[in-house]
Amino acid sequence: MQHARDVLAEFAPRTSPAQTLEHVQTLEVVLGRLHTNVNARLLIEGFMGRFVLR
């Protein structure tokens, strides 16, 4: 996450505030989806593990 902040901090002065906001919002959506995908994968693996281990 810190890397994303650093990149945005370098990029922001070269773009308009509206464009920077759009990029930040896009990043938030992508990170939210990645987090959701990780949780879904863990849930599925846990669920499938019940059948494989028995």
Protein backbone atom coordinates (compact mmCIF):
# COMPACT_ATOMS: atom_id res chain seq x y z
CA MET A 1 0.00 0.00 0.00
CA GLN A 2 2.86 2.36 0.76
CA HIS A 3 4.25 1.80 -2.73
CA ALA A 4 0.90 2.88 -4.22
CA ARG A 5 0.94 6.02 -2.07
CA ASP A 6 4.46 6.87 -3.20
CA VAL A 7 3.56 6.45 -6.87
CA LEU A 8 0.44 8.58 -6.49
CA ALA A 9 2.43 11.25 -4.64
CA GLU A 10 4.85 11.46 -7.58
CA PHE A 11 2.07 11.38 -10.17
CA ALA A 12 -0.38 13.80 -8.53
CA PRO A 13 1.52 17.08 -9.19
CA ARG A 14 1.51 16.32 -12.94
CA THR A 15 -2.25 15.78 -13.20
CA SER A 16 -5.38 17.72 -12.38
CA PRO A 17 -7.03 17.19 -8.97
CA ALA A 18 -10.03 15.57 -10.68
CA GLN A 19 -7.81 13.13 -12.56
CA THR A 20 -5.85 12.30 -9.40
CA LEU A 21 -9.10 11.66 -7.53
CA GLU A 22 -10.25 9.37 -10.34
CA HIS A 23 -7.01 7.39 -10.13
CA VAL A 24 -7.27 7.09 -6.34
CA GLN A 25 -10.87 5.88 -6.61
CA THR A 26 -9.88 3.34 -9.26
CA LEU A 27 -7.08 2.07 -7.04
CA GLU A 28 -9.48 1.71 -4.11
CA VAL A 29 -11.87 -0.35 -6.25
CA VAL A 30 -9.07 -2.61 -7.48
CA LEU A 31 -7.69 -3.13 -3.97
CA GLY A 32 -11.18 -3.83 -2.65
CA ARG A 33 -11.72 -6.47 -5.32
CA LEU A 34 -8.38 -8.10 -4.59
CA HIS A 35 -9.23 -8.23 -0.88
CA THR A 36 -12.65 -9.73 -1.67
CA ASN A 37 -11.06 -12.30 -3.98
CA VAL A 38 -8.59 -13.37 -1.29
CA ASN A 39 -11.36 -13.80 1.26
CA ALA A 40 -13.50 -15.73 -1.24
CA ARG A 41 -10.58 -17.99 -2.10
CA LEU A 42 -9.90 -18.74 1.56
CA LEU A 43 -13.57 -19.49 2.15
CA ILE A 44 -13.72 -21.83 -0.85
CA GLU A 45 -10.50 -23.59 0.14
CA GLY A 46 -11.79 -24.08 3.67
CA PHE A 47 -15.09 -25.41 2.39
CA MET A 48 -13.43 -27.78 -0.09
CA GLY A 49 -10.97 -28.93 2.56
CA ARG A 50 -13.83 -30.48 4.50
CA PHE A 51 -14.54 -32.85 1.63
CA VAL A 52 -10.94 -33.63 0.70
CA LEU A 53 -9.78 -34.45 4.23
CA ARG A 54 -12.65 -36.79 5.06
